[in-house]
Protein backbone atom coordinates (compact mmCIF):
# COMPACT_ATOMS: atom_id res chain seq x y z
CA UNK A 1 95.52 113.28 126.05
CA UNK A 2 94.86 113.74 122.22
CA UNK A 3 97.05 110.93 121.13
CA UNK A 4 100.30 109.11 120.91
CA UNK A 5 103.01 111.34 119.32
CA UNK A 6 106.36 110.53 117.37
CA UNK A 7 108.50 113.82 117.10
CA UNK A 8 110.90 114.84 114.10
CA UNK A 9 113.55 117.18 115.41
CA UNK A 10 116.38 115.87 113.18
CA UNK A 11 116.99 117.46 109.69
CA UNK A 12 116.69 113.86 108.36
CA UNK A 13 113.36 113.14 110.26
CA UNK A 14 111.79 116.35 109.44
CA UNK A 15 112.37 116.13 105.72
CA UNK A 16 111.23 112.46 105.62
CA UNK A 17 108.19 112.75 107.92
CA UNK A 18 104.93 110.73 107.03
CA UNK A 19 106.03 110.23 103.19
CA UNK A 20 105.77 106.84 102.14
CA UNK A 21 103.99 105.52 105.11
CA UNK A 22 100.50 104.13 104.36
CA UNK A 23 98.82 105.25 107.39
CA UNK A 24 99.63 106.84 110.99
CA UNK A 25 98.22 106.18 114.17
CA UNK A 26 98.34 108.99 116.48
CA UNK A 27 100.08 112.35 115.72
CA UNK A 28 103.42 113.70 114.30
CA UNK A 29 105.42 116.68 115.50
CA UNK A 30 107.66 118.47 113.35
CA UNK A 31 110.03 120.87 115.46
CA UNK A 32 111.25 123.24 114.24
CA UNK A 33 108.99 123.66 111.21
CA UNK A 34 107.04 126.46 109.56
CA UNK A 35 105.28 124.61 106.60
CA UNK A 36 104.52 120.82 105.25
CA UNK A 37 103.88 119.27 102.14
CA UNK A 38 102.03 116.02 101.24
CA UNK A 39 104.27 115.14 98.21
CA UNK A 40 104.50 111.17 98.15
CA UNK A 41 101.80 110.91 100.89
CA UNK A 42 99.30 107.95 100.70
CA UNK A 43 96.98 109.53 102.69
CA UNK A 44 95.57 113.49 103.45
CA UNK A 45 96.80 115.44 106.58
CA UNK A 46 95.27 117.52 109.08
CA UNK A 47 97.96 120.02 109.97
CA UNK A 48 98.06 122.44 112.67
CA UNK A 49 100.84 125.31 112.68
CA UNK A 50 102.23 125.89 116.34
CA UNK A 51 103.83 128.93 118.00
CA UNK A 52 106.72 128.35 120.38
CA UNK A 53 104.47 127.73 122.92
CA UNK A 54 102.80 125.04 120.70
CA UNK A 55 99.58 127.00 120.81
CA UNK A 56 97.52 126.28 117.73
CA UNK A 57 97.82 129.36 115.40
CA UNK A 58 95.97 127.66 112.09
CA UNK A 59 94.56 124.27 111.09
CA UNK A 60 94.14 122.98 107.51
CA UNK A 61 93.54 119.94 106.02
CA UNK A 62 95.88 119.01 103.32
CA UNK A 63 95.33 116.55 100.23
CA UNK A 64 98.00 114.38 98.87
CA UNK A 65 100.30 115.83 96.50
CA UNK A 66 100.45 119.44 97.86
CA UNK A 67 102.49 122.22 99.65
CA UNK A 68 101.84 124.07 102.17
CA UNK A 69 102.36 127.82 102.70
CA UNK A 70 104.81 129.01 105.85
CA UNK A 71 102.51 130.59 108.76
CA UNK A 72 103.54 133.49 110.10
CA UNK A 73 104.70 133.01 113.85
CA UNK A 74 104.76 129.11 113.70
CA UNK A 75 107.53 127.40 115.10
CA UNK A 76 106.46 123.62 114.71
CA UNK A 77 103.76 121.75 113.05
CA UNK A 78 101.46 119.13 113.83
CA UNK A 79 100.29 116.41 111.59
CA UNK A 80 97.84 113.49 112.05
CA UNK A 81 95.78 111.62 109.51
CA UNK A 82 92.89 113.89 108.02
CA UNK A 83 89.86 113.89 110.44
CA UNK A 84 91.84 113.50 113.53
CA UNK A 85 91.67 116.93 114.50
CA UNK A 86 87.98 116.84 114.54
CA UNK A 87 87.69 113.79 116.58
CA UNK A 88 90.03 115.30 119.12
CA UNK A 89 88.59 118.61 119.20
CA UNK A 90 91.67 120.51 118.15
CA UNK A 91 90.87 124.11 117.42
CA UNK A 92 92.81 127.66 116.96
CA UNK A 93 93.79 128.77 120.11
CA UNK A 94 94.76 125.64 122.18
CA UNK A 95 97.57 125.15 123.55
CA UNK A 96 99.18 121.54 123.48
CA UNK A 97 101.76 120.10 125.80
CA UNK A 98 104.26 117.23 125.01
CA UNK A 99 104.74 114.91 128.25
CA UNK A 100 108.20 113.45 128.13
CA UNK A 101 109.87 111.54 125.37
CA UNK A 102 107.42 109.22 123.51
CA UNK A 103 104.54 110.37 125.85
CA UNK A 104 101.31 111.52 124.39
CA UNK A 105 100.52 114.91 123.47
CA UNK A 106 97.87 116.79 125.67
CA UNK A 107 95.67 119.72 125.03
CA UNK A 108 95.40 122.64 127.78
CA UNK A 109 92.17 124.45 128.25
CA UNK A 110 93.36 127.75 127.07
CA UNK A 111 91.00 128.61 124.85
């Protein structure tokens, strides 16, 4: 298990994201999604761009008040507080799995 997970699938929840929060425990999955911004954020983010199978295509750390570029092939974006991906060992090529509504996100061994 990597983390507890909050999923944003409605247009309003995807647009709002983590904006306005002072912190976030766990991960935040934006689906569908190709890019993110940190405008109005109170903390920096780790961002993973995922393909349709939730395989990590690219990771980045984004400072506050930035706009990310779309990543070719991405269909979802995973956000967490900066430093989480390093603690979790999340890397490009990892395949993630969401286990049920509100359940944690898990990493498969597909590197």
